[in-house]
Protein backbone atom coordinates (compact mmCIF):
# COMPACT_ATOMS: atom_id res chain seq x y z
CA UNK A 1 54.32 -145.41 89.01
CA UNK A 2 50.81 -147.14 88.70
CA UNK A 3 49.27 -144.93 91.15
CA UNK A 4 50.59 -141.97 89.60
CA UNK A 5 49.17 -142.84 86.12
CA UNK A 6 45.67 -143.49 87.68
CA UNK A 7 45.95 -140.09 89.55
CA UNK A 8 46.75 -138.52 86.07
CA UNK A 9 44.11 -140.26 84.42
CA UNK A 10 41.66 -139.31 87.02
CA UNK A 11 42.57 -135.55 86.73
CA UNK A 12 42.46 -135.89 82.97
CA UNK A 13 38.93 -137.03 83.40
CA UNK A 14 37.94 -134.08 85.35
CA UNK A 15 39.43 -131.57 82.83
CA UNK A 16 37.46 -133.32 80.10
CA UNK A 17 34.24 -133.05 81.98
CA UNK A 18 35.12 -129.32 82.56
CA UNK A 19 34.62 -129.64 86.23
CA UNK A 20 37.13 -129.07 89.30
CA UNK A 21 35.86 -130.08 92.53
CA UNK A 22 36.86 -129.01 96.00
CA UNK A 23 38.01 -131.51 98.79
CA UNK A 24 34.25 -131.76 100.02
CA UNK A 25 33.20 -132.83 96.24
CA UNK A 26 31.50 -129.73 95.52
CA UNK A 27 31.78 -128.27 92.07
CA UNK A 28 33.98 -125.09 92.21
CA UNK A 29 34.86 -124.54 88.64
CA UNK A 30 32.72 -125.59 85.78
CA UNK A 31 31.68 -124.71 82.20
CA UNK A 32 28.29 -123.67 83.85
CA UNK A 33 29.87 -121.59 86.50
CA UNK A 34 32.02 -119.82 84.06
CA UNK A 35 29.11 -118.96 81.63
CA UNK A 36 26.88 -117.93 84.55
CA UNK A 37 29.89 -115.73 86.05
CA UNK A 38 30.26 -113.94 82.51
CA UNK A 39 26.43 -113.00 82.37
CA UNK A 40 26.51 -111.98 86.10
CA UNK A 41 29.64 -109.81 85.46
CA UNK A 42 28.27 -108.19 82.28
CA UNK A 43 25.03 -107.39 84.25
CA UNK A 44 26.89 -105.65 86.87
CA UNK A 45 29.02 -103.81 84.24
CA UNK A 46 25.80 -102.62 82.61
CA UNK A 47 24.14 -101.67 85.92
CA UNK A 48 27.26 -99.57 87.21
CA UNK A 49 27.44 -96.96 84.46
CA UNK A 50 23.74 -96.64 84.81
CA UNK A 51 24.08 -95.50 88.41
CA UNK A 52 27.14 -93.58 87.54
CA UNK A 53 25.51 -91.51 84.83
CA UNK A 54 22.56 -90.83 87.21
CA UNK A 55 24.85 -89.59 90.10
CA UNK A 56 27.20 -87.54 87.78
CA UNK A 57 25.55 -86.93 84.48
CA UNK A 58 21.83 -86.90 85.21
CA UNK A 59 21.62 -83.42 83.58
CA UNK A 60 22.81 -84.79 80.19
CA UNK A 61 20.17 -86.02 78.00
CA UNK A 62 20.52 -89.04 75.52
CA UNK A 63 21.04 -86.74 72.47
CA UNK A 64 23.76 -84.94 74.16
CA UNK A 65 25.39 -87.92 75.31
CA UNK A 66 25.25 -89.67 71.97
CA UNK A 67 26.82 -86.59 70.41
CA UNK A 68 29.42 -86.33 73.01
CA UNK A 69 30.40 -89.93 72.64
CA UNK A 70 31.23 -89.32 69.00
CA UNK A 71 33.39 -86.24 69.65
CA UNK A 72 37.13 -86.31 69.94
CA UNK A 73 38.28 -86.39 73.67
CA UNK A 74 41.61 -84.91 73.01
CA UNK A 75 42.52 -82.37 75.65
CA UNK A 76 39.86 -83.66 78.19
CA UNK A 77 40.45 -84.47 81.79
CA UNK A 78 39.45 -88.11 81.77
CA UNK A 79 39.74 -88.82 85.34
CA UNK A 80 36.10 -89.04 85.87
CA UNK A 81 36.12 -91.96 83.13
CA UNK A 82 38.98 -93.61 84.96
CA UNK A 83 36.89 -93.59 88.02
CA UNK A 84 34.18 -95.19 86.15
CA UNK A 85 36.47 -98.01 84.99
CA UNK A 86 37.57 -98.63 88.48
CA UNK A 87 33.98 -98.75 89.47
CA UNK A 88 33.16 -101.12 86.67
CA UNK A 89 36.35 -103.46 87.56
CA UNK A 90 36.17 -103.54 91.25
CA UNK A 91 32.39 -103.06 91.59
CA UNK A 92 31.81 -105.64 88.88
CA UNK A 93 34.00 -108.30 90.31
CA UNK A 94 32.91 -107.48 94.02
CA UNK A 95 29.29 -107.75 93.14
CA UNK A 96 30.06 -111.06 91.35
CA UNK A 97 31.84 -112.37 94.50
CA UNK A 98 28.79 -111.40 96.72
CA UNK A 99 26.36 -112.93 94.20
CA UNK A 100 28.35 -116.30 94.21
CA UNK A 101 28.32 -116.21 98.02
CA UNK A 102 24.59 -115.63 98.04
CA UNK A 103 24.06 -118.53 95.65
CA UNK A 104 26.41 -120.75 97.78
CA UNK A 105 24.53 -119.94 101.08
CA UNK A 106 21.16 -120.51 99.36
CA UNK A 107 22.43 -123.75 98.01
CA UNK A 108 23.85 -124.87 101.52
CA UNK A 109 20.48 -123.95 103.27
CA UNK A 110 18.46 -126.02 100.62
CA UNK A 111 20.61 -128.95 101.14
CA UNK A 112 20.50 -128.65 104.99
CA UNK A 113 16.70 -128.52 104.81
CA UNK A 114 16.42 -131.38 102.36
CA UNK A 115 19.30 -133.47 103.52
CA UNK A 116 17.27 -136.54 103.76
CA UNK A 117 15.22 -136.71 100.47
CA UNK A 118 17.76 -134.59 98.55
CA UNK A 119 21.05 -134.22 100.11
CA UNK A 120 23.10 -133.34 97.15
CA UNK A 121 20.17 -131.29 95.30
CA UNK A 122 20.35 -127.46 94.29
CA UNK A 123 17.54 -124.91 94.39
CA UNK A 124 15.82 -124.37 90.94
CA UNK A 125 17.55 -120.99 90.41
CA UNK A 126 20.97 -122.30 91.18
CA UNK A 127 20.50 -125.64 89.23
CA UNK A 128 19.40 -123.40 86.09
CA UNK A 129 21.99 -120.62 86.88
CA UNK A 130 23.06 -120.11 83.27
CA UNK A 131 19.52 -119.11 81.90
CA UNK A 132 18.57 -117.15 85.03
CA UNK A 133 22.01 -115.15 84.97
CA UNK A 134 21.38 -114.45 81.18
CA UNK A 135 17.81 -113.18 82.00
CA UNK A 136 19.22 -110.85 84.69
CA UNK A 137 21.78 -109.49 82.28
CA UNK A 138 18.99 -108.74 79.61
CA UNK A 139 16.75 -107.41 82.59
CA UNK A 140 19.53 -105.09 83.83
CA UNK A 141 20.14 -103.88 80.23
CA UNK A 142 16.49 -103.09 79.93
CA UNK A 143 16.18 -101.49 83.15
CA UNK A 144 19.12 -99.25 82.34
CA UNK A 145 18.12 -98.33 78.99
CA UNK A 146 14.59 -97.41 80.33
CA UNK A 147 16.19 -95.50 83.10
CA UNK A 148 18.29 -93.54 80.64
CA UNK A 149 15.13 -92.93 78.38
CA UNK A 150 16.88 -94.55 75.39
CA UNK A 151 13.73 -96.17 74.02
CA UNK A 152 11.95 -92.88 73.85
CA UNK A 153 15.00 -91.37 72.07
CA UNK A 154 15.11 -94.21 69.47
CA UNK A 155 11.44 -93.76 68.88
CA UNK A 156 11.80 -90.04 68.32
CA UNK A 157 14.88 -90.54 66.00
CA UNK A 158 12.79 -93.05 63.99
CA UNK A 159 10.12 -90.21 63.68
CA UNK A 160 10.59 -87.56 60.95
CA UNK A 161 9.74 -83.92 62.10
CA UNK A 162 9.22 -80.74 60.05
CA UNK A 163 10.18 -78.57 62.89
CA UNK A 164 13.26 -77.05 61.11
CA UNK A 165 11.47 -76.65 57.80
CA UNK A 166 8.76 -74.55 59.53
CA UNK A 167 11.13 -72.59 62.10
CA UNK A 168 14.68 -72.32 60.88
CA UNK A 169 15.73 -68.95 59.85
CA UNK A 170 19.02 -69.33 57.86
CA UNK A 171 21.29 -66.56 59.21
CA UNK A 172 23.29 -66.40 56.01
CA UNK A 173 20.13 -65.43 53.95
CA UNK A 174 18.74 -62.97 56.81
CA UNK A 175 19.39 -59.25 56.66
CA UNK A 176 21.67 -58.43 59.43
CA UNK A 177 22.64 -54.83 59.60
CA UNK A 178 25.65 -53.61 61.98
CA UNK A 179 25.51 -50.35 63.58
CA UNK A 180 27.20 -47.41 62.34
CA UNK A 181 29.82 -47.57 65.34
CA UNK A 182 30.54 -51.12 65.82
CA UNK A 183 30.68 -52.29 69.47
CA UNK A 184 33.17 -54.77 70.89
CA UNK A 185 31.77 -58.07 72.40
CA UNK A 186 33.55 -59.82 75.32
CA UNK A 187 31.59 -63.31 75.85
CA UNK A 188 32.39 -65.37 78.95
CA UNK A 189 31.22 -68.98 79.31
CA UNK A 190 31.46 -70.04 82.78
CA UNK A 191 31.63 -73.67 83.21
CA UNK A 192 28.88 -75.36 85.14
CA UNK A 193 27.51 -71.90 86.31
CA UNK A 194 24.00 -72.01 87.33
CA UNK A 195 21.26 -69.92 89.28
CA UNK A 196 20.93 -72.75 91.84
CA UNK A 197 24.29 -71.48 93.47
CA UNK A 198 22.53 -68.18 94.66
CA UNK A 199 20.52 -68.06 97.90
CA UNK A 200 16.80 -68.56 97.83
CA UNK A 201 16.02 -64.67 97.53
CA UNK A 202 17.77 -64.53 94.29
CA UNK A 203 15.99 -67.66 92.86
CA UNK A 204 18.60 -70.20 93.95
CA UNK A 205 18.75 -73.20 96.32
CA UNK A 206 21.62 -72.49 98.41
CA UNK A 207 21.17 -71.56 102.16
CA UNK A 208 24.01 -68.80 101.59
CA UNK A 209 24.72 -67.07 98.30
CA UNK A 210 27.78 -68.65 96.92
CA UNK A 211 28.11 -66.28 93.89
CA UNK A 212 27.34 -62.74 95.36
CA UNK A 213 29.53 -61.04 92.70
CA UNK A 214 27.57 -62.75 89.70
CA UNK A 215 24.30 -61.85 91.71
CA UNK A 216 25.31 -58.20 91.76
CA UNK A 217 26.39 -58.34 88.15
CA UNK A 218 22.96 -59.95 87.18
CA UNK A 219 21.13 -56.97 89.22
CA UNK A 220 23.39 -54.49 87.29
CA UNK A 221 22.92 -56.11 83.93
CA UNK A 222 20.03 -57.56 81.87
CA UNK A 223 18.57 -61.06 82.62
CA UNK A 224 15.48 -60.57 80.66
CA UNK A 225 13.40 -60.74 83.98
CA UNK A 226 10.67 -58.78 85.33
CA UNK A 227 11.62 -55.54 87.14
CA UNK A 228 9.84 -56.39 90.26
CA UNK A 229 11.73 -59.70 91.09
CA UNK A 230 15.13 -60.21 92.61
CA UNK A 231 15.27 -63.75 91.17
CA UNK A 232 17.95 -64.45 88.67
CA UNK A 233 16.94 -65.71 85.32
CA UNK A 234 18.63 -67.79 82.73
CA UNK A 235 18.74 -70.44 80.13
CA UNK A 236 16.65 -73.56 80.29
CA UNK A 237 18.69 -76.78 79.07
CA UNK A 238 17.19 -78.60 76.37
CA UNK A 239 18.15 -81.56 74.15
CA UNK A 240 21.66 -80.88 72.38
CA UNK A 241 22.64 -78.06 74.69
CA UNK A 242 23.32 -79.69 78.00
CA UNK A 243 27.09 -79.91 77.65
CA UNK A 244 29.85 -77.63 76.83
CA UNK A 245 30.11 -78.19 73.05
CA UNK A 246 26.68 -78.50 72.35
CA UNK A 247 26.03 -75.17 74.49
CA UNK A 248 28.64 -73.55 72.41
CA UNK A 249 27.08 -74.50 69.19
CA UNK A 250 23.66 -73.60 70.41
CA UNK A 251 24.61 -70.00 71.64
CA UNK A 252 26.69 -69.28 68.72
CA UNK A 253 24.44 -70.79 65.67
CA UNK A 254 20.89 -71.07 67.08
CA UNK A 255 20.62 -74.85 66.89
CA UNK A 256 21.30 -77.91 69.21
CA UNK A 257 24.11 -80.32 68.48
CA UNK A 258 22.40 -83.61 67.88
CA UNK A 259 23.64 -86.60 65.78
CA UNK A 260 21.35 -89.16 64.32
CA UNK A 261 21.59 -92.73 65.68
CA UNK A 262 23.97 -94.66 63.81
CA UNK A 263 25.40 -92.03 61.69
CA UNK A 264 28.37 -89.68 61.86
CA UNK A 265 29.02 -87.62 58.52
CA UNK A 266 32.11 -86.18 60.24
CA UNK A 267 35.45 -88.15 59.99
CA UNK A 268 37.19 -87.02 63.01
CA UNK A 269 40.62 -88.19 61.73
CA UNK A 270 40.59 -86.28 58.61
CA UNK A 271 37.44 -83.63 58.90
CA UNK A 272 38.19 -80.05 58.10
CA UNK A 273 34.64 -78.52 58.56
CA UNK A 274 32.36 -78.91 61.43
CA UNK A 275 28.44 -78.55 60.78
CA UNK A 276 29.36 -76.63 57.59
CA UNK A 277 25.63 -75.85 56.87
CA UNK A 278 25.75 -73.46 59.75
CA UNK A 279 26.42 -69.60 59.56
CA UNK A 280 27.24 -68.63 63.04
CA UNK A 281 27.98 -65.44 65.03
CA UNK A 282 31.72 -65.74 64.30
CA UNK A 283 30.94 -65.69 60.44
CA UNK A 284 28.55 -62.54 61.03
CA UNK A 285 31.24 -60.57 62.96
CA UNK A 286 34.25 -61.63 60.85
CA UNK A 287 32.18 -60.55 57.80
CA UNK A 288 31.73 -57.30 59.42
CA UNK A 289 35.33 -56.75 60.11
CA UNK A 290 35.76 -58.02 63.54
CA UNK A 291 38.73 -59.56 65.05
CA UNK A 292 38.03 -62.74 66.96
CA UNK A 293 39.62 -64.69 69.62
CA UNK A 294 38.79 -67.65 71.76
CA UNK A 295 40.75 -68.54 74.94
CA UNK A 296 40.34 -71.60 76.95
CA UNK A 297 42.32 -73.19 79.71
CA UNK A 298 42.32 -76.68 78.19
CA UNK A 299 43.14 -77.98 74.71
CA UNK A 300 40.94 -76.57 72.00
CA UNK A 301 40.95 -79.85 70.28
CA UNK A 302 38.21 -81.18 72.80
CA UNK A 303 35.13 -82.45 71.22
CA UNK A 304 36.23 -80.80 67.78
CA UNK A 305 35.89 -77.28 68.98
CA UNK A 306 39.17 -76.31 67.07
CA UNK A 307 37.46 -77.24 63.82
CA UNK A 308 34.12 -75.60 64.81
CA UNK A 309 35.94 -72.31 65.47
CA UNK A 310 37.87 -72.57 62.22
CA UNK A 311 34.92 -73.54 60.17
CA UNK A 312 32.65 -70.68 61.65
CA UNK A 313 34.74 -67.55 61.92
CA UNK A 314 38.30 -68.62 61.82
CA UNK A 315 39.18 -67.52 65.47
CA UNK A 316 42.37 -66.86 66.62
CA UNK A 317 42.75 -69.66 69.51
CA UNK A 318 44.64 -69.13 72.67
CA UNK A 319 44.46 -72.47 74.65
CA UNK A 320 46.49 -74.41 76.96
CA UNK A 321 48.79 -75.88 74.13
CA UNK A 322 49.24 -72.27 72.73
CA UNK A 323 50.69 -70.92 76.09
CA UNK A 324 52.81 -74.19 76.43
CA UNK A 325 54.37 -73.96 73.18
CA UNK A 326 55.31 -70.17 73.39
CA UNK A 327 56.99 -70.51 76.78
CA UNK A 328 54.39 -68.78 78.66
CA UNK A 329 53.63 -71.86 80.82
CA UNK A 330 56.56 -73.61 82.14
CA UNK A 331 57.47 -76.89 80.21
CA UNK A 332 55.30 -79.89 81.47
CA UNK A 333 53.10 -77.54 83.35
CA UNK A 334 49.45 -78.92 83.66
CA UNK A 335 46.80 -78.47 86.26
CA UNK A 336 43.20 -79.69 86.01
CA UNK A 337 42.44 -79.63 82.27
CA UNK A 338 45.48 -77.66 81.27
CA UNK A 339 46.02 -74.14 83.38
CA UNK A 340 43.65 -72.80 85.79
CA UNK A 341 41.37 -69.96 85.50
CA UNK A 342 43.61 -67.52 87.68
CA UNK A 343 45.97 -67.69 84.73
CA UNK A 344 43.10 -67.68 82.18
CA UNK A 345 42.02 -64.15 83.55
CA UNK A 346 45.68 -62.95 83.62
CA UNK A 347 46.19 -63.94 80.09
CA UNK A 348 42.82 -62.53 79.03
CA UNK A 349 43.86 -59.21 80.23
CA UNK A 350 46.98 -59.25 78.24
CA UNK A 351 45.25 -60.47 75.00
CA UNK A 352 42.39 -57.98 75.37
CA UNK A 353 44.83 -55.05 75.72
CA UNK A 354 46.47 -56.20 72.36
CA UNK A 355 43.51 -56.44 70.28
CA UNK A 356 41.68 -53.39 71.68
CA UNK A 357 44.60 -51.29 70.48
CA UNK A 358 43.66 -52.04 66.91
CA UNK A 359 41.09 -49.86 65.11
CA UNK A 360 39.12 -52.86 64.36
CA UNK A 361 36.31 -54.00 66.63
CA UNK A 362 36.87 -57.19 68.21
CA UNK A 363 35.16 -60.30 69.77
CA UNK A 364 36.85 -61.89 72.45
CA UNK A 365 35.31 -65.16 73.75
CA UNK A 366 36.68 -67.23 76.72
CA UNK A 367 35.71 -70.46 78.58
CA UNK A 368 36.54 -71.07 82.37
CA UNK A 369 37.18 -74.45 83.49
CA UNK A 370 37.92 -74.64 87.46
CA UNK A 371 34.24 -75.39 88.15
CA UNK A 372 33.92 -78.38 86.05
CA UNK A 373 32.71 -81.44 87.94
CA UNK A 374 33.67 -83.42 90.11
CA UNK A 375 34.55 -80.91 92.94
CA UNK A 376 36.15 -78.37 90.59
CA UNK A 377 39.73 -77.28 90.74
CA UNK A 378 40.78 -75.56 93.91
CA UNK A 379 43.53 -72.98 93.13
CA UNK A 380 45.24 -70.86 95.65
CA UNK A 381 42.73 -67.95 95.63
CA UNK A 382 39.91 -70.38 96.82
CA UNK A 383 38.69 -69.91 100.41
CA UNK A 384 37.55 -72.25 103.04
CA UNK A 385 34.04 -70.78 103.65
CA UNK A 386 32.02 -74.02 102.92
CA UNK A 387 32.48 -77.34 104.03
CA UNK A 388 33.10 -78.80 100.62
CA UNK A 389 35.66 -78.06 97.93
CA UNK A 390 33.01 -77.65 94.94
CA UNK A 391 31.09 -74.87 96.95
CA UNK A 392 34.50 -73.08 97.52
CA UNK A 393 35.56 -73.53 93.81
CA UNK A 394 32.23 -72.00 92.67
CA UNK A 395 32.55 -68.90 95.21
CA UNK A 396 36.01 -68.60 93.93
CA UNK A 397 34.82 -68.46 90.40
CA UNK A 398 32.42 -65.80 91.27
CA UNK A 399 35.04 -63.59 92.93
CA UNK A 400 37.37 -63.88 89.85
CA UNK A 401 34.77 -62.91 87.46
CA UNK A 402 33.69 -60.05 89.57
CA UNK A 403 37.35 -58.75 89.83
CA UNK A 404 37.83 -59.20 85.89
CA UNK A 405 34.64 -57.26 85.24
CA UNK A 406 35.86 -54.49 87.51
CA UNK A 407 39.18 -54.51 85.54
CA UNK A 408 37.29 -54.14 82.19
CA UNK A 409 35.27 -51.23 83.51
CA UNK A 410 38.50 -49.30 83.84
CA UNK A 411 39.53 -49.75 80.50
CA UNK A 412 39.13 -47.01 77.71
CA UNK A 413 37.27 -49.52 75.28
CA UNK A 414 34.64 -50.71 77.87
CA UNK A 415 32.18 -47.87 77.10
CA UNK A 416 31.79 -49.34 73.66
CA UNK A 417 31.85 -53.04 74.63
CA UNK A 418 29.12 -55.47 75.42
CA UNK A 419 29.74 -58.15 78.08
CA UNK A 420 27.93 -61.45 78.13
CA UNK A 421 28.38 -63.71 80.97
CA UNK A 422 26.76 -67.06 80.77
CA UNK A 423 27.06 -70.59 82.17
CA UNK A 424 27.37 -73.04 79.66
CA UNK A 425 25.15 -75.63 81.22
CA UNK A 426 24.14 -76.56 84.76
CA UNK A 427 26.63 -78.79 86.64
CA UNK A 428 26.70 -82.31 85.80
CA UNK A 429 27.35 -83.27 89.43
CA UNK A 430 23.68 -84.26 90.18
CA UNK A 431 24.50 -85.63 93.73
CA UNK A 432 25.86 -82.04 94.70
CA UNK A 433 22.76 -80.30 93.56
CA UNK A 434 20.38 -82.99 95.30
CA UNK A 435 22.11 -82.51 98.44
CA UNK A 436 22.19 -78.78 98.05
CA UNK A 437 18.42 -78.91 97.20
CA UNK A 438 17.42 -81.36 99.95
CA UNK A 439 16.79 -84.02 97.34
CA UNK A 440 13.72 -82.18 95.86
CA UNK A 441 12.90 -82.48 92.12
CA UNK A 442 10.69 -79.72 91.77
CA UNK A 443 13.23 -76.93 91.14
CA UNK A 444 14.04 -75.70 87.50
CA UNK A 445 17.62 -75.26 87.17
CA UNK A 446 18.70 -72.55 84.99
CA UNK A 447 22.15 -71.56 83.56
CA UNK A 448 23.46 -68.29 84.77
CA UNK A 449 23.10 -65.32 82.51
CA UNK A 450 23.68 -61.61 82.35
CA UNK A 451 24.25 -58.76 79.67
CA UNK A 452 26.39 -56.07 80.63
CA UNK A 453 26.63 -52.60 78.94
CA UNK A 454 24.00 -53.56 76.16
CA UNK A 455 23.56 -51.16 73.27
CA UNK A 456 19.73 -51.29 73.83
CA UNK A 457 17.66 -51.65 77.08
CA UNK A 458 15.28 -54.41 77.93
CA UNK A 459 11.91 -52.84 78.22
CA UNK A 460 9.36 -55.78 78.13
CA UNK A 461 9.15 -56.07 81.89
CA UNK A 462 8.40 -59.83 82.02
CA UNK A 463 10.60 -62.84 82.66
CA UNK A 464 11.38 -64.59 79.39
CA UNK A 465 11.64 -68.35 79.13
CA UNK A 466 14.37 -69.24 76.79
CA UNK A 467 17.17 -71.57 75.72
CA UNK A 468 20.70 -71.15 74.78
CA UNK A 469 19.59 -71.13 71.15
CA UNK A 470 17.94 -67.66 71.71
CA UNK A 471 21.49 -66.13 72.70
CA UNK A 472 22.61 -65.83 68.86
CA UNK A 473 20.07 -63.16 67.94
CA UNK A 474 20.03 -61.60 71.23
CA UNK A 475 23.85 -61.20 71.59
CA UNK A 476 23.79 -59.41 68.18
CA UNK A 477 20.97 -57.30 69.14
CA UNK A 478 22.85 -56.30 72.55
CA UNK A 479 25.71 -55.24 70.31
CA UNK A 480 23.36 -52.84 68.35
CA UNK A 481 22.86 -55.14 65.38
CA UNK A 482 19.57 -54.99 63.50
CA UNK A 483 18.27 -58.56 62.54
CA UNK A 484 15.32 -58.42 60.26
CA UNK A 485 12.53 -60.54 61.90
CA UNK A 486 14.66 -60.91 65.05
CA UNK A 487 15.08 -64.67 64.56
CA UNK A 488 18.13 -66.63 63.64
CA UNK A 489 18.42 -70.33 63.47
CA UNK A 490 15.48 -71.24 65.78
CA UNK A 491 16.59 -68.70 68.33
CA UNK A 492 14.53 -65.36 69.00
CA UNK A 493 15.87 -61.97 70.08
CA UNK A 494 14.85 -61.68 73.69
CA UNK A 495 14.71 -57.89 73.50
CA UNK A 496 11.49 -58.21 71.35
CA UNK A 497 8.12 -59.28 72.27
CA UNK A 498 7.62 -62.44 70.28
CA UNK A 499 7.56 -65.89 71.98
CA UNK A 500 10.53 -68.05 71.99
CA UNK A 501 10.17 -71.68 70.85
CA UNK A 502 10.33 -72.53 74.71
CA UNK A 503 7.50 -70.29 75.31
CA UNK A 504 5.40 -71.24 72.48
CA UNK A 505 5.88 -75.18 72.66
CA UNK A 506 6.83 -75.72 76.54
CA UNK A 507 9.71 -77.64 77.66
CA UNK A 508 8.20 -81.17 76.69
CA UNK A 509 7.02 -80.11 73.41
CA UNK A 510 10.19 -78.47 72.25
CA UNK A 511 12.21 -81.41 73.40
CA UNK A 512 10.26 -83.95 71.62
CA UNK A 513 10.73 -81.94 68.35
CA UNK A 514 14.26 -81.33 68.75
CA UNK A 515 14.86 -85.16 69.31
CA UNK A 516 13.02 -86.30 66.46
CA UNK A 517 14.76 -86.79 63.17
CA UNK A 518 15.15 -84.06 60.77
CA UNK A 519 16.08 -84.55 57.24
CA UNK A 520 16.55 -80.76 56.93
CA UNK A 521 19.00 -80.63 59.83
CA UNK A 522 21.00 -83.71 58.39
CA UNK A 523 21.31 -82.41 54.97
CA UNK A 524 21.55 -78.54 55.37
CA UNK A 525 23.17 -78.16 58.80
CA UNK A 526 25.07 -81.27 59.90
CA UNK A 527 26.55 -82.73 56.84
CA UNK A 528 27.31 -80.30 54.03
CA UNK A 529 26.92 -76.81 52.78
CA UNK A 530 23.49 -75.65 51.62
CA UNK A 531 23.04 -75.89 47.86
């Protein structure tokens, strides 16, 4: 009994000292080790998302990332984020084990080297492991922030700009005149489609053209290129347009989607309007008697798209939930983000036939999803021509769009219909592009673009440099609308010989202006209606 009491007292003493020793007397579990482990684990969990963002979201700038993080994620395919969490969990603890193993080996070697004068000593870093692990965490955070260019973004957001006061053209106040015979519009947003996927002859970086159908359509249509080049042209991605929702806003309203740091004037639980100060192309067409419809293979709620379309044109929506609720899709059916592009094009044909039967002109917009990173969705139509899934999905998307356009051309309404095919943004799979490009960094990636069956020709015979924001007045011009001054938002009509903001300021200059804080943007576009 006495021995048991003595043993209990000894264990109690160890607990009070917050130390548990192994049989050889080395401290295994102590307050210092716990605190150091927490700091090291935090450092690992900060570094891993930084690496993940570099590999898979490198094309997304900080302003777009902040905006996206504040948007609702309802309807999104969150498998990539699940992958990140797994990376952080297993990678964080795995790296922690390796770090502690390294410290243990270092300590043992030190004790072996100094076994005569300091047999139980510890190296300086091991002895002061708590402050050193804290410094490592702070240093890791600083490196990742610099890597993400967050300090530059913060500095710019703390600097006021008069860019919008000087350049913004209010579409609601502009004189926009519809043609006597109004043309229909079919606007196809192609997820992650970029010029890079073409071969080098056509301005891409692929050894073999993965998008021959889209290349043929670009040669047939208008890409705002010089007539003496075979190279495809497209939109340069700029701050606030490098992800799907930002691109949609830019193309339809002529401004990027950028939220100021620390603010969010939209309550995503109860809000009923999205950037209410804008007057987008949907409102222009609605006010000119157009039927508006938007189709997507996922839930329209993602990133607040439903409220944006409601606010700016009151589109009829045909999304995944719509076809699930009306029985078109089997109960419980879901692949990828909702339903695959094969079904999207089937449904689109039926909806277009319905709205084209009316005497009203129509605007039908649709968004493909199969080419979303990572690796895309491989449907039954995809071939095995390439040695990786993403390339096969990209090629399949090109084929499906080509077949869809061929179907459109057979329709009686096509003669009076302008078709715009545009990539919403370059793919976010930076590692895929790096491997495709041989890890070069001197190639300018452009989103795919072509305008088919335009009401007016492109006669400038020069290759334009432009962003998604220029598509707003350009699309109206391609439909035969006359826009006084040829500017809407901060976009420019590409058919006209006046410089875009990108051509005038250059990439770095425009990016800097867009990322600076604008009181005008906040007050009149983002948060409330204009007075």
